[in-house]
Amino acid sequence: MPDAPGVPCALVAVEAAVPGIYSYLIPTGMEVKTGQAVLVPFAGRDLVGYVMGVEPGGTGFRGALKPLRAVVREEPLFGEDLTELARQVSEYYRYPVGLCVREILPGGLAPRIVKEAALTEAGLAAASAPWLPASDPLKVLLSGHPKPVPLSSFREKGAPERFGALARKGLVKILYSLSGKGTGFSFENVLSPVPDPPGELPRLGRVERELWERLKGMPPTPVSHFRNYFRDPLRIAKGLQTKGLAVLERVEICRDDPARAPDLPRNPVETLTAEQEAALEAVLAALDGVADRERAADAGDPGGCPSEDPAQRPAGQDPSGPGRFLLFGVTGSGKTEVYLRAADRVLSRGGGVLWLTPEIALTMGLEARIKSSLPGAKLAVLHSGLSAGERHDHWMNLARGRLRLALGARSAVFAPVRDLKLVIVDEEHDWAYKQEDGLRYHGRDLASFRARRSGAVLILGS
């Protein structure tokens, strides 16, 4: 299909070991956004790809472009900042950009393709031959016809080659389908009483009346709470809703393990040492500079931006860029308190914070510290010790802007933090920031790139 001028195209990074980004036509009526997972035809098969950008007026290419097959997931998995990060990672580390995106996404978010086989008309006739043994692939496919059979169910040695030969003979066709759209959000039923119940109650059964007596005056409550009192609370709740006494809703919930880092009483405010005061003052001055530059840019007054005169640069600031600091101190010297107060300043202004630690064990201890020191912080945790559902919910709530502070080990450097204003890399010298298999990268280097790209303040602790 030619790319006529004005026909919108999507720039897609496919999940394959190929360089570059490919252009696909957007079919009429299909809404495509940057960061979505899509299904695309590529080299004779269907593959998962990720939208890296949209060209509303077309690419100007005069050859034949293929259309997108489908949008796998309507909600974008990442935004413009991670699109640029994936391109940078691909170029710097010489790794295919589509595979970069797959590595960036936490487990459960990246959809998978299943390879299946089905009989053609010629194959259906051949499979009906009485002399074929029951173990023959054609017979196996015939037993499931017309439903295709996943090739992974054929474990015999040489099975892929054999199906390739059958496909070339026209006896079977190879199909590619999605095994699922990855981990999704979790929902639960929540029951609440109507605001103004009738003065005279309708006729209620015994268990309905008992549930109503418990429910009235309560805030919206998960139906699962009532399992301690009733055998089938959902059925009873539906009865109350039918009779106009209650409202039953399915509400999205964020999966989290409350035992991992329970909410603790707020820590008493620590008195800073002179060295901590000096470090914090320099960091806060840089954060104020970021805010001033944004206000000046919003007002269309470039001249209102703070001066880059070295004489006016805060003490301890890295001259290689605005807001780059090395906080040096032995373990227990109070670096974390400086981090916390800087993060508090950013979060109070509605900005985002990315906080990296070299090990999962340190992340778990620090999570409790953050919750007790910054009780209002909207905290997301990302590391391989979480379940797939927890990683999914924390990632997507960061992408939506519901959570503002991302805490995690090396892989959290890719977290989709909105309005990133502060990046903290604790123990930046630690070798654990190096990823040594798959996509090989250094978490500290990518954190520095993200800070520079976002205009955020960077603190390296050592």
Protein backbone atom coordinates (compact mmCIF):
# COMPACT_ATOMS: atom_id res chain seq x y z
CA MET A 1 0.00 0.00 0.00
CA PRO A 2 1.59 3.33 -0.95
CA ASP A 3 2.18 6.00 1.63
CA ALA A 4 0.03 8.77 0.20
CA PRO A 5 0.78 12.28 1.49
CA GLY A 6 -1.25 13.01 4.61
CA VAL A 7 -1.81 9.36 5.57
CA PRO A 8 -0.70 8.92 9.21
CA CYS A 9 2.05 6.43 9.92
CA ALA A 10 3.38 4.81 13.10
CA LEU A 11 7.09 4.41 13.79
CA VAL A 12 7.45 0.95 15.31
CA ALA A 13 10.31 -0.88 17.01
CA VAL A 14 9.70 -4.60 16.46
CA GLU A 15 10.68 -7.33 18.90
CA ALA A 16 13.35 -8.82 16.63
CA ALA A 17 17.13 -8.74 16.33
CA VAL A 18 17.02 -6.10 13.60
CA PRO A 19 18.32 -2.53 13.64
CA GLY A 20 16.22 0.55 13.18
CA ILE A 21 12.59 1.57 13.44
CA TYR A 22 9.98 0.71 10.80
CA SER A 23 7.06 2.70 9.39
CA TYR A 24 3.53 1.27 9.23
CA LEU A 25 0.30 2.77 7.98
CA ILE A 26 -2.34 3.46 10.63
CA PRO A 27 -5.66 2.01 9.41
CA THR A 28 -8.66 4.31 9.38
CA GLY A 29 -10.41 4.33 12.75
CA MET A 30 -7.43 2.97 14.69
CA GLU A 31 -6.13 5.29 17.42
CA VAL A 32 -2.40 4.92 17.93
CA LYS A 33 -0.26 6.62 20.60
CA THR A 34 3.42 6.61 21.45
CA GLY A 35 4.22 3.84 23.91
CA GLN A 36 1.51 1.40 22.82
CA ALA A 37 2.20 -2.25 22.06
CA VAL A 38 1.01 -3.21 18.57
CA LEU A 39 0.91 -6.26 16.32
CA VAL A 40 2.66 -5.78 12.98
CA PRO A 41 3.49 -7.91 9.91
CA PHE A 42 7.24 -8.37 9.60
CA ALA A 43 9.22 -10.68 7.31
CA GLY A 44 6.28 -12.97 6.63
CA ARG A 45 5.03 -13.28 10.19
CA ASP A 46 3.33 -11.22 12.86
CA LEU A 47 5.43 -9.69 15.64
CA VAL A 48 4.87 -7.49 18.65
CA GLY A 49 6.18 -3.96 18.23
CA TYR A 50 6.18 -0.73 20.22
CA VAL A 51 5.12 2.65 18.87
CA MET A 52 8.07 5.03 19.12
CA GLY A 53 6.26 7.92 17.47
CA VAL A 54 3.41 8.90 15.16
CA GLU A 55 3.73 10.88 11.92
CA PRO A 56 0.28 12.44 11.34
CA GLY A 57 1.21 13.63 7.86
CA GLY A 58 2.96 10.45 6.74
CA THR A 59 6.67 9.78 6.33
CA GLY A 60 6.93 10.88 2.70
CA PHE A 61 7.99 7.38 1.67
CA ARG A 62 6.67 6.55 -1.80
CA GLY A 63 7.00 2.78 -1.64
CA ALA A 64 4.59 0.19 -0.25
CA LEU A 65 3.94 0.33 3.48
CA LYS A 66 2.08 -2.35 5.41
CA PRO A 67 -0.72 -1.43 7.82
CA LEU A 68 -0.69 -2.20 11.53
CA ARG A 69 -2.53 -5.40 12.39
CA ALA A 70 -3.90 -4.34 15.78
CA VAL A 71 -3.24 -2.40 18.93
CA VAL A 72 -2.36 -4.99 21.55
CA ARG A 73 -2.91 -2.75 24.53
CA GLU A 74 -4.83 0.54 24.40
CA GLU A 75 -3.05 2.20 27.31
CA PRO A 76 0.52 3.32 26.51
CA LEU A 77 3.22 1.48 28.45
CA PHE A 78 5.63 4.43 28.42
CA GLY A 79 5.91 8.03 27.27
CA GLU A 80 8.14 10.26 25.18
CA ASP A 81 10.99 10.28 27.71
CA LEU A 82 11.40 6.49 27.68
CA THR A 83 11.08 6.47 23.90
CA GLU A 84 14.13 8.69 23.72
CA LEU A 85 15.90 6.62 26.38
CA ALA A 86 15.30 3.40 24.41
CA ARG A 87 16.73 5.00 21.27
CA GLN A 88 19.78 6.20 23.20
CA VAL A 89 20.35 2.81 24.82
CA SER A 90 20.01 1.06 21.46
CA GLU A 91 22.53 3.35 19.81
CA TYR A 92 25.07 3.43 22.64
CA TYR A 93 25.00 -0.26 23.54
CA ARG A 94 24.42 -1.53 19.96
CA TYR A 95 21.30 -3.46 20.88
CA PRO A 96 18.14 -3.67 18.71
CA VAL A 97 15.74 -0.97 19.82
CA GLY A 98 12.69 -3.27 19.90
CA LEU A 99 14.55 -5.69 22.16
CA CYS A 100 15.65 -2.72 24.28
CA VAL A 101 12.01 -1.86 24.90
CA ARG A 102 11.21 -5.47 25.80
CA GLU A 103 14.09 -5.49 28.32
CA ILE A 104 12.99 -2.14 29.74
CA LEU A 105 9.43 -3.31 30.45
CA PRO A 106 8.95 -5.29 33.67
CA GLY A 107 7.83 -8.90 33.43
CA GLY A 108 4.13 -9.26 32.69
CA LEU A 109 3.82 -6.11 30.57
CA ALA A 110 5.38 -7.34 27.33
CA PRO A 111 2.89 -9.47 25.33
CA ARG A 112 4.08 -12.74 23.78
CA ILE A 113 3.45 -14.32 20.39
CA VAL A 114 2.52 -17.99 20.13
CA LYS A 115 3.41 -19.92 16.95
CA GLU A 116 0.63 -22.29 15.89
CA ALA A 117 -0.10 -24.70 13.04
CA ALA A 118 -3.38 -25.53 11.30
CA LEU A 119 -4.32 -27.79 8.40
CA THR A 120 -4.93 -26.41 4.93
CA GLU A 121 -7.52 -27.97 2.63
CA ALA A 122 -4.81 -30.16 1.10
CA GLY A 123 -3.52 -31.04 4.55
CA LEU A 124 -7.00 -31.98 5.72
CA ALA A 125 -7.30 -34.48 2.88
CA ALA A 126 -3.82 -35.88 3.55
CA ALA A 127 -4.48 -36.21 7.29
CA SER A 128 -7.56 -38.33 6.60
CA ALA A 129 -5.44 -41.13 5.09
CA PRO A 130 -6.02 -44.30 7.17
CA TRP A 131 -2.38 -45.46 7.01
CA LEU A 132 -0.99 -42.45 8.92
CA PRO A 133 -0.10 -43.30 12.54
CA ALA A 134 -1.88 -41.41 15.34
CA SER A 135 1.42 -39.74 16.31
CA ASP A 136 1.89 -38.15 12.89
CA PRO A 137 1.71 -34.33 13.11
CA LEU A 138 -1.05 -34.21 10.50
CA LYS A 139 -3.18 -36.61 12.59
CA VAL A 140 -2.55 -34.52 15.70
CA LEU A 141 -3.65 -31.40 13.86
CA LEU A 142 -6.70 -33.23 12.51
CA SER A 143 -7.79 -34.11 16.05
CA GLY A 144 -7.91 -30.42 16.92
CA HIS A 145 -9.22 -29.14 13.57
CA PRO A 146 -10.27 -26.41 12.88
CA LYS A 147 -8.61 -24.99 15.99
CA PRO A 148 -4.84 -24.43 15.49
CA VAL A 149 -2.36 -26.25 17.72
CA PRO A 150 0.63 -24.48 19.38
CA LEU A 151 3.92 -25.76 17.98
CA SER A 152 5.32 -25.80 21.53
CA SER A 153 3.16 -28.88 22.18
CA PHE A 154 5.32 -30.87 19.72
CA ARG A 155 8.46 -31.66 21.71
CA GLU A 156 10.02 -34.23 19.35
CA LYS A 157 13.47 -33.44 18.02
CA GLY A 158 13.29 -31.76 14.63
CA ALA A 159 9.60 -30.78 14.97
CA PRO A 160 10.12 -27.14 13.81
CA GLU A 161 11.94 -28.28 10.66
CA ARG A 162 9.25 -30.87 9.93
CA PHE A 163 6.46 -28.32 10.20
CA GLY A 164 8.46 -25.99 7.98
CA ALA A 165 8.60 -28.70 5.34
CA LEU A 166 4.85 -29.37 5.67
CA ALA A 167 4.18 -25.65 5.25
CA ARG A 168 6.29 -25.51 2.10
CA LYS A 169 4.26 -28.41 0.69
CA GLY A 170 1.06 -26.49 1.40
CA LEU A 171 -0.26 -29.05 3.90
CA VAL A 172 -0.19 -26.79 6.97
CA LYS A 173 -0.20 -23.06 7.57
CA ILE A 174 1.80 -21.40 10.31
CA LEU A 175 -0.11 -18.82 12.35
CA TYR A 176 1.03 -16.27 14.90
CA SER A 177 -1.28 -15.19 17.69
CA LEU A 178 -1.04 -13.35 21.00
CA SER A 179 -0.83 -15.56 24.05
CA GLY A 180 -2.35 -12.74 26.06
CA LYS A 181 -1.94 -9.04 26.65
CA GLY A 182 0.38 -9.51 29.59
CA THR A 183 -0.52 -8.96 33.20
CA GLY A 184 -3.50 -6.68 33.65
CA PHE A 185 -4.85 -4.61 36.49
CA SER A 186 -6.62 -6.33 39.34
CA PHE A 187 -10.14 -5.38 40.34
CA GLU A 188 -12.30 -6.07 43.37
CA ASN A 189 -15.96 -5.59 44.18
CA VAL A 190 -16.64 -2.73 46.58
CA LEU A 191 -19.98 -2.33 48.37
CA SER A 192 -21.34 0.91 49.82
CA PRO A 193 -24.75 1.93 51.18
CA VAL A 194 -26.85 4.35 49.16
CA PRO A 195 -26.60 7.94 50.48
CA ASP A 196 -30.33 8.22 51.28
CA PRO A 197 -31.89 4.83 52.05
CA PRO A 198 -35.69 4.72 52.09
CA GLY A 199 -37.39 5.19 55.42
CA GLU A 200 -39.29 1.96 54.97
CA LEU A 201 -37.02 -0.90 53.93
CA PRO A 202 -38.13 -3.29 51.20
CA ARG A 203 -38.68 -6.89 52.08
CA LEU A 204 -35.32 -8.46 52.95
CA GLY A 205 -34.22 -12.01 53.60
CA ARG A 206 -32.46 -12.89 56.85
CA VAL A 207 -28.91 -12.69 55.45
CA GLU A 208 -29.75 -9.56 53.43
CA ARG A 209 -30.98 -7.82 56.55
CA GLU A 210 -27.91 -8.90 58.47
CA LEU A 211 -25.60 -7.58 55.74
CA TRP A 212 -27.56 -4.31 55.59
CA GLU A 213 -27.21 -3.83 59.35
CA ARG A 214 -23.46 -4.26 59.05
CA LEU A 215 -23.16 -2.11 55.94
CA LYS A 216 -25.16 1.00 56.82
CA GLY A 217 -22.94 3.75 58.08
CA MET A 218 -19.80 2.09 56.71
CA PRO A 219 -17.53 3.64 54.04
CA PRO A 220 -17.15 1.78 50.72
CA THR A 221 -15.93 -1.69 51.74
CA PRO A 222 -14.52 -4.60 49.70
CA VAL A 223 -17.03 -7.42 49.45
CA SER A 224 -14.23 -9.80 50.49
CA HIS A 225 -14.37 -8.19 53.96
CA PHE A 226 -17.77 -9.81 54.54
CA ARG A 227 -16.53 -13.34 53.87
CA ASN A 228 -15.86 -13.62 57.57
CA TYR A 229 -19.62 -13.36 58.19
CA PHE A 230 -21.35 -14.79 55.11
CA ARG A 231 -20.79 -17.77 52.85
CA ASP A 232 -21.54 -15.89 49.60
CA PRO A 233 -21.42 -12.14 50.30
CA LEU A 234 -21.33 -11.20 46.59
CA ARG A 235 -24.70 -12.80 45.94
CA ILE A 236 -26.20 -11.06 48.96
CA ALA A 237 -24.65 -7.72 47.92
CA LYS A 238 -26.24 -8.03 44.48
CA GLY A 239 -29.59 -8.58 46.19
CA LEU A 240 -29.20 -5.37 48.20
CA GLN A 241 -28.26 -3.49 45.04
CA THR A 242 -31.34 -4.80 43.23
CA LYS A 243 -33.51 -3.57 46.10
CA GLY A 244 -31.96 -0.09 45.98
CA LEU A 245 -30.10 -0.21 49.29
CA ALA A 246 -26.49 -0.55 48.16
CA VAL A 247 -24.14 0.27 45.30
CA LEU A 248 -21.84 -2.47 44.05
CA GLU A 249 -18.83 -1.36 41.98
CA ARG A 250 -15.75 -3.01 40.51
CA VAL A 251 -12.78 -0.90 41.55
CA GLU A 252 -9.22 -1.09 40.26
CA ILE A 253 -6.73 -1.86 43.02
CA CYS A 254 -2.95 -1.59 43.18
CA ARG A 255 -1.44 -4.90 44.19
CA ASP A 256 1.06 -4.50 47.00
CA ASP A 257 2.39 -6.63 49.83
CA PRO A 258 1.65 -4.78 53.09
CA ALA A 259 4.09 -7.02 54.95
CA ARG A 260 7.00 -5.94 52.76
CA ALA A 261 7.41 -2.47 54.30
CA PRO A 262 4.54 -1.67 56.68
CA ASP A 263 3.58 1.92 57.38
CA LEU A 264 5.45 3.08 60.46
CA PRO A 265 4.99 6.09 62.73
CA ARG A 266 6.60 9.22 61.34
CA ASN A 267 10.27 9.52 62.28
CA PRO A 268 11.21 12.50 64.44
CA VAL A 269 12.92 15.25 62.46
CA GLU A 270 16.67 14.83 62.68
CA THR A 271 19.01 17.73 63.37
CA LEU A 272 21.43 18.03 60.47
CA THR A 273 25.16 18.39 60.91
CA ALA A 274 26.98 21.32 59.37
CA GLU A 275 28.17 19.11 56.48
CA GLN A 276 24.62 17.85 55.85
CA GLU A 277 23.29 21.42 55.95
CA ALA A 278 25.86 22.55 53.39
CA ALA A 279 25.13 19.63 51.06
CA LEU A 280 21.36 20.05 51.37
CA GLU A 281 21.55 23.79 50.78
CA ALA A 282 23.45 23.26 47.52
CA VAL A 283 21.01 20.61 46.32
CA LEU A 284 17.94 22.68 47.21
CA ALA A 285 19.43 25.69 45.43
CA ALA A 286 19.80 23.57 42.29
CA LEU A 287 16.21 22.33 42.63
CA ASP A 288 15.03 25.93 42.98
CA GLY A 289 17.01 26.73 39.83
CA VAL A 290 15.18 23.99 37.95
CA ALA A 291 11.84 25.41 39.09
CA ASP A 292 12.91 28.95 38.14
CA ARG A 293 13.96 27.86 34.66
CA GLU A 294 10.62 26.12 34.13
CA ARG A 295 8.66 29.16 35.26
CA ALA A 296 10.71 31.40 32.99
CA ALA A 297 10.20 29.04 30.04
CA ASP A 298 6.45 28.88 30.70
CA ALA A 299 6.35 32.66 30.75
CA GLY A 300 8.28 32.82 27.46
CA ASP A 301 11.17 34.67 29.11
CA PRO A 302 14.45 32.89 28.38
CA GLY A 303 16.28 35.81 29.89
CA GLY A 304 14.61 35.06 33.19
CA CYS A 305 16.50 31.79 33.56
CA PRO A 306 19.12 31.64 36.31
CA SER A 307 22.65 32.58 35.29
CA GLU A 308 25.16 29.89 34.43
CA ASP A 309 28.01 32.06 35.75
CA PRO A 310 30.44 29.68 37.53
CA ALA A 311 30.76 32.18 40.36
CA GLN A 312 27.04 31.76 41.09
CA ARG A 313 27.03 27.94 40.93
CA PRO A 314 26.19 26.27 44.29
CA ALA A 315 29.18 24.85 46.16
CA GLY A 316 29.81 21.18 45.36
CA GLN A 317 27.90 21.26 42.06
CA ASP A 318 29.44 19.39 39.16
CA PRO A 319 30.52 21.93 36.50
CA SER A 320 29.66 19.46 33.71
CA GLY A 321 26.01 20.35 34.03
CA PRO A 322 23.44 22.16 36.15
CA GLY A 323 22.40 20.22 39.24
CA ARG A 324 24.92 17.34 39.23
CA PHE A 325 26.31 16.48 42.66
CA LEU A 326 28.56 13.88 44.27
CA LEU A 327 27.63 13.32 47.91
CA PHE A 328 30.59 11.60 49.55
CA GLY A 329 30.48 10.02 52.98
CA VAL A 330 30.98 6.75 54.82
CA THR A 331 28.04 4.49 55.64
CA GLY A 332 25.96 6.10 58.38
CA SER A 333 27.22 9.61 57.70
CA GLY A 334 23.71 10.91 56.94
CA LYS A 335 23.50 10.90 53.14
CA THR A 336 20.02 9.35 53.25
CA GLU A 337 18.65 12.25 55.27
CA VAL A 338 19.85 14.66 52.58
CA TYR A 339 18.18 12.48 49.93
CA LEU A 340 14.92 12.45 51.88
CA ARG A 341 14.74 16.21 52.33
CA ALA A 342 15.57 16.85 48.69
CA ALA A 343 12.90 14.33 47.62
CA ASP A 344 10.41 15.97 49.97
CA ARG A 345 11.03 19.34 48.31
CA VAL A 346 10.42 17.90 44.83
CA LEU A 347 7.32 15.92 45.80
CA SER A 348 5.78 18.93 47.55
CA ARG A 349 5.95 20.75 44.20
CA GLY A 350 4.34 17.89 42.28
CA GLY A 351 7.57 16.70 40.65
CA GLY A 352 8.87 13.16 40.20
CA VAL A 353 11.78 11.41 41.89
CA LEU A 354 13.84 8.41 40.74
CA TRP A 355 15.82 6.76 43.57
CA LEU A 356 18.20 3.88 42.79
CA THR A 357 19.98 1.50 45.15
CA PRO A 358 22.43 -1.23 44.09
CA GLU A 359 20.70 -4.15 45.83
CA ILE A 360 17.15 -5.32 46.46
CA ALA A 361 17.88 -5.77 50.18
CA LEU A 362 18.77 -2.08 50.47
CA THR A 363 15.61 -1.15 48.59
CA MET A 364 13.41 -3.01 51.04
CA GLY A 365 14.97 -1.31 54.06
CA LEU A 366 14.85 2.09 52.42
CA GLU A 367 11.18 1.69 51.52
CA ALA A 368 10.28 1.54 55.21
CA ARG A 369 12.47 4.58 55.89
CA ILE A 370 10.76 6.61 53.17
CA LYS A 371 7.29 5.65 54.37
CA SER A 372 8.10 6.72 57.92
CA SER A 373 9.87 9.95 56.92
CA LEU A 374 7.61 10.99 54.02
CA PRO A 375 4.19 9.57 54.90
CA GLY A 376 2.47 11.45 52.08
CA ALA A 377 4.86 10.22 49.38
CA LYS A 378 3.23 8.34 46.51
CA LEU A 379 5.82 5.56 46.37
CA ALA A 380 6.32 2.90 43.69
CA VAL A 381 8.80 0.06 44.11
CA LEU A 382 10.36 -1.77 41.16
CA HIS A 383 12.68 -4.76 41.45
CA SER A 384 12.74 -8.45 40.57
CA GLY A 385 11.73 -9.49 44.09
CA LEU A 386 8.14 -8.35 43.49
CA SER A 387 5.43 -10.42 41.85
CA ALA A 388 4.60 -9.74 38.20
CA GLY A 389 1.31 -8.17 39.27
CA GLU A 390 2.98 -5.80 41.71
CA ARG A 391 5.57 -4.70 39.15
CA HIS A 392 2.80 -4.17 36.58
CA ASP A 393 0.68 -2.02 38.88
CA HIS A 394 3.56 0.10 40.15
CA TRP A 395 4.88 0.66 36.60
CA MET A 396 1.49 1.60 35.15
CA ASN A 397 0.63 3.91 38.06
CA LEU A 398 3.93 5.71 37.52
CA ALA A 399 3.13 6.03 33.82
CA ARG A 400 -0.30 7.46 34.71
CA GLY A 401 1.21 9.95 37.15
CA ARG A 402 -0.59 8.48 40.16
CA LEU A 403 2.72 7.63 41.84
CA ARG A 404 5.57 10.14 41.90
CA LEU A 405 8.54 8.46 43.57
CA ALA A 406 10.13 5.36 42.02
CA LEU A 407 12.44 3.34 44.24
CA GLY A 408 14.31 0.28 43.07
CA ALA A 409 17.46 -1.50 42.07
CA ARG A 410 19.28 -1.29 38.73
CA SER A 411 16.32 -1.94 36.41
CA ALA A 412 14.27 0.85 38.05
CA VAL A 413 16.35 3.33 36.03
CA PHE A 414 13.77 2.78 33.27
CA ALA A 415 10.78 3.64 35.50
CA PRO A 416 8.28 5.91 33.68
CA VAL A 417 8.39 8.74 36.26
CA ARG A 418 6.35 11.77 35.21
CA ASP A 419 7.85 15.29 35.53
CA LEU A 420 11.22 13.93 36.64
CA LYS A 421 13.00 16.56 38.74
CA LEU A 422 15.39 14.57 40.96
CA VAL A 423 17.50 11.46 40.32
CA ILE A 424 19.34 9.80 43.23
CA VAL A 425 21.91 7.04 42.70
CA ASP A 426 22.97 5.74 46.11
CA GLU A 427 26.31 3.91 46.35
CA GLU A 428 26.99 4.87 42.74
CA HIS A 429 30.37 3.09 42.80
CA ASP A 430 28.77 -0.33 43.35
CA TRP A 431 29.38 -2.94 40.62
CA ALA A 432 25.76 -4.15 40.97
CA TYR A 433 24.62 -1.26 38.74
CA LYS A 434 26.11 -3.15 35.78
CA GLN A 435 23.75 -5.46 33.90
CA GLU A 436 25.85 -8.34 32.60
CA ASP A 437 23.45 -10.38 30.45
CA GLY A 438 20.86 -9.62 27.79
CA LEU A 439 20.88 -5.86 27.38
CA ARG A 440 24.19 -4.90 29.02
CA TYR A 441 24.06 -1.43 30.52
CA HIS A 442 25.26 0.59 33.50
CA GLY A 443 22.45 1.91 35.67
CA ARG A 444 24.45 4.91 36.87
CA ASP A 445 25.22 6.05 33.32
CA LEU A 446 21.59 5.76 32.26
CA ALA A 447 20.47 7.62 35.38
CA SER A 448 22.83 10.43 34.43
CA PHE A 449 21.41 10.48 30.90
CA ARG A 450 17.84 10.62 32.18
CA ALA A 451 18.66 13.49 34.53
CA ARG A 452 20.39 15.43 31.75
CA ARG A 453 17.58 14.73 29.28
CA SER A 454 14.86 15.77 31.77
CA GLY A 455 16.72 18.76 33.20
CA ALA A 456 16.58 17.09 36.62
CA VAL A 457 19.01 17.38 39.50
CA LEU A 458 21.32 14.35 39.85
CA ILE A 459 22.78 13.23 43.18
CA LEU A 460 25.42 10.49 43.17
CA GLY A 461 26.08 9.06 46.62
CA SER A 462 29.38 7.34 47.34
